[in-house]
């Protein structure tokens, strides 16, 4: 599997607390995956706009748990790199 995940906050001098906000909502955000709107509207629209990723390298900024990253990889991307400010979401990325 050719996917990598990085926390954007690693080594940064963050002052705003954005990382803490996202770390606090990891579980709630994960529950959104089963939302019918996301399943039947958001995702089909996103992938229709994205187009063919076969053989391409893709950078997924604000990748969260890597939900879209994994689907992009399954659709043929040769490399997917995910970056997120919240390191709390990245363990589920693998």
Protein backbone atom coordinates (compact mmCIF):
# COMPACT_ATOMS: atom_id res chain seq x y z
CA UNK A 1 0.00 0.00 0.00
CA UNK A 2 1.56 3.26 -1.10
CA UNK A 3 0.05 5.78 1.31
CA UNK A 4 1.67 8.11 3.82
CA UNK A 5 0.21 10.30 6.53
CA UNK A 6 1.73 13.30 8.27
CA UNK A 7 0.61 15.60 11.04
CA UNK A 8 0.97 19.19 9.88
CA UNK A 9 1.50 20.31 13.46
CA UNK A 10 4.60 18.18 13.99
CA UNK A 11 7.38 20.60 14.82
CA UNK A 12 5.28 23.69 14.20
CA UNK A 13 4.85 26.62 16.56
CA UNK A 14 1.09 26.74 16.47
CA UNK A 15 -0.51 29.46 18.53
CA UNK A 16 -4.21 29.32 17.65
CA UNK A 17 -5.34 26.01 19.15
CA UNK A 18 -6.68 24.64 15.85
CA UNK A 19 -5.05 21.28 16.49
CA UNK A 20 -6.81 20.96 19.84
CA UNK A 21 -10.19 21.72 18.27
CA UNK A 22 -9.79 18.95 15.69
CA UNK A 23 -8.34 16.51 18.24
CA UNK A 24 -11.52 16.98 20.30
CA UNK A 25 -13.91 16.15 17.45
CA UNK A 26 -12.15 13.06 16.04
CA UNK A 27 -14.87 10.65 17.18
CA UNK A 28 -17.76 12.86 16.07
CA UNK A 29 -16.19 13.39 12.68
CA UNK A 30 -15.68 9.64 12.23
CA UNK A 31 -19.42 9.09 12.81
CA UNK A 32 -20.21 11.32 9.81
CA UNK A 33 -19.07 8.56 7.44
CA UNK A 34 -22.45 6.83 7.84
CA UNK A 35 -24.46 9.99 7.08
CA UNK A 36 -26.71 9.34 4.02
CA UNK A 37 -25.99 12.81 2.57
CA UNK A 38 -22.26 12.08 2.64
CA UNK A 39 -22.75 8.64 1.11
CA UNK A 40 -25.21 9.52 -1.65
CA UNK A 41 -24.44 13.17 -2.45
CA UNK A 42 -21.08 14.44 -1.19
CA UNK A 43 -18.89 11.47 -2.12
CA UNK A 44 -20.31 10.84 -5.64
CA UNK A 45 -20.07 14.57 -6.39
CA UNK A 46 -16.51 14.78 -5.07
CA UNK A 47 -15.30 11.82 -7.12
CA UNK A 48 -17.09 12.99 -10.26
CA UNK A 49 -15.31 16.35 -9.96
CA UNK A 50 -11.97 14.71 -9.09
CA UNK A 51 -11.90 12.62 -12.24
CA UNK A 52 -9.54 9.78 -13.06
CA UNK A 53 -6.64 9.46 -10.61
CA UNK A 54 -5.13 6.31 -12.12
CA UNK A 55 -1.36 6.42 -11.92
CA UNK A 56 -1.30 9.88 -10.35
CA UNK A 57 0.22 11.13 -7.11
CA UNK A 58 -2.34 12.81 -4.87
CA UNK A 59 -1.85 15.15 -1.91
CA UNK A 60 -4.84 15.07 0.44
CA UNK A 61 -4.68 18.18 2.64
CA UNK A 62 -6.85 18.06 5.76
CA UNK A 63 -7.13 14.30 5.22
CA UNK A 64 -8.64 13.61 8.65
CA UNK A 65 -8.90 9.86 9.11
CA UNK A 66 -7.85 9.25 5.50
CA UNK A 67 -11.34 8.22 4.35
CA UNK A 68 -11.00 9.94 0.96
CA UNK A 69 -7.29 9.08 0.75
CA UNK A 70 -8.04 5.36 0.94
CA UNK A 71 -10.76 5.65 -1.69
CA UNK A 72 -8.45 7.63 -3.98
CA UNK A 73 -5.81 4.91 -3.61
CA UNK A 74 -8.43 2.23 -4.36
CA UNK A 75 -9.32 4.17 -7.53
CA UNK A 76 -5.80 3.70 -8.86
CA UNK A 77 -3.65 6.58 -7.59
CA UNK A 78 -0.02 5.46 -7.51
CA UNK A 79 0.75 7.48 -4.37
CA UNK A 80 -1.46 9.21 -1.82
CA UNK A 81 0.01 11.50 0.85
CA UNK A 82 -2.32 12.71 3.59
CA UNK A 83 -1.60 15.72 5.80
CA UNK A 84 -3.74 16.83 8.72
CA UNK A 85 -3.33 19.28 11.59
CA UNK A 86 -4.78 16.74 14.02
CA UNK A 87 -2.48 13.83 14.76
CA UNK A 88 -5.43 12.22 16.59
CA UNK A 89 -7.01 11.21 13.29
CA UNK A 90 -3.91 9.76 11.69
CA UNK A 91 -3.73 6.36 13.49
CA UNK A 92 -6.90 5.29 11.66
CA UNK A 93 -5.32 6.33 8.35
CA UNK A 94 -3.34 3.12 7.84
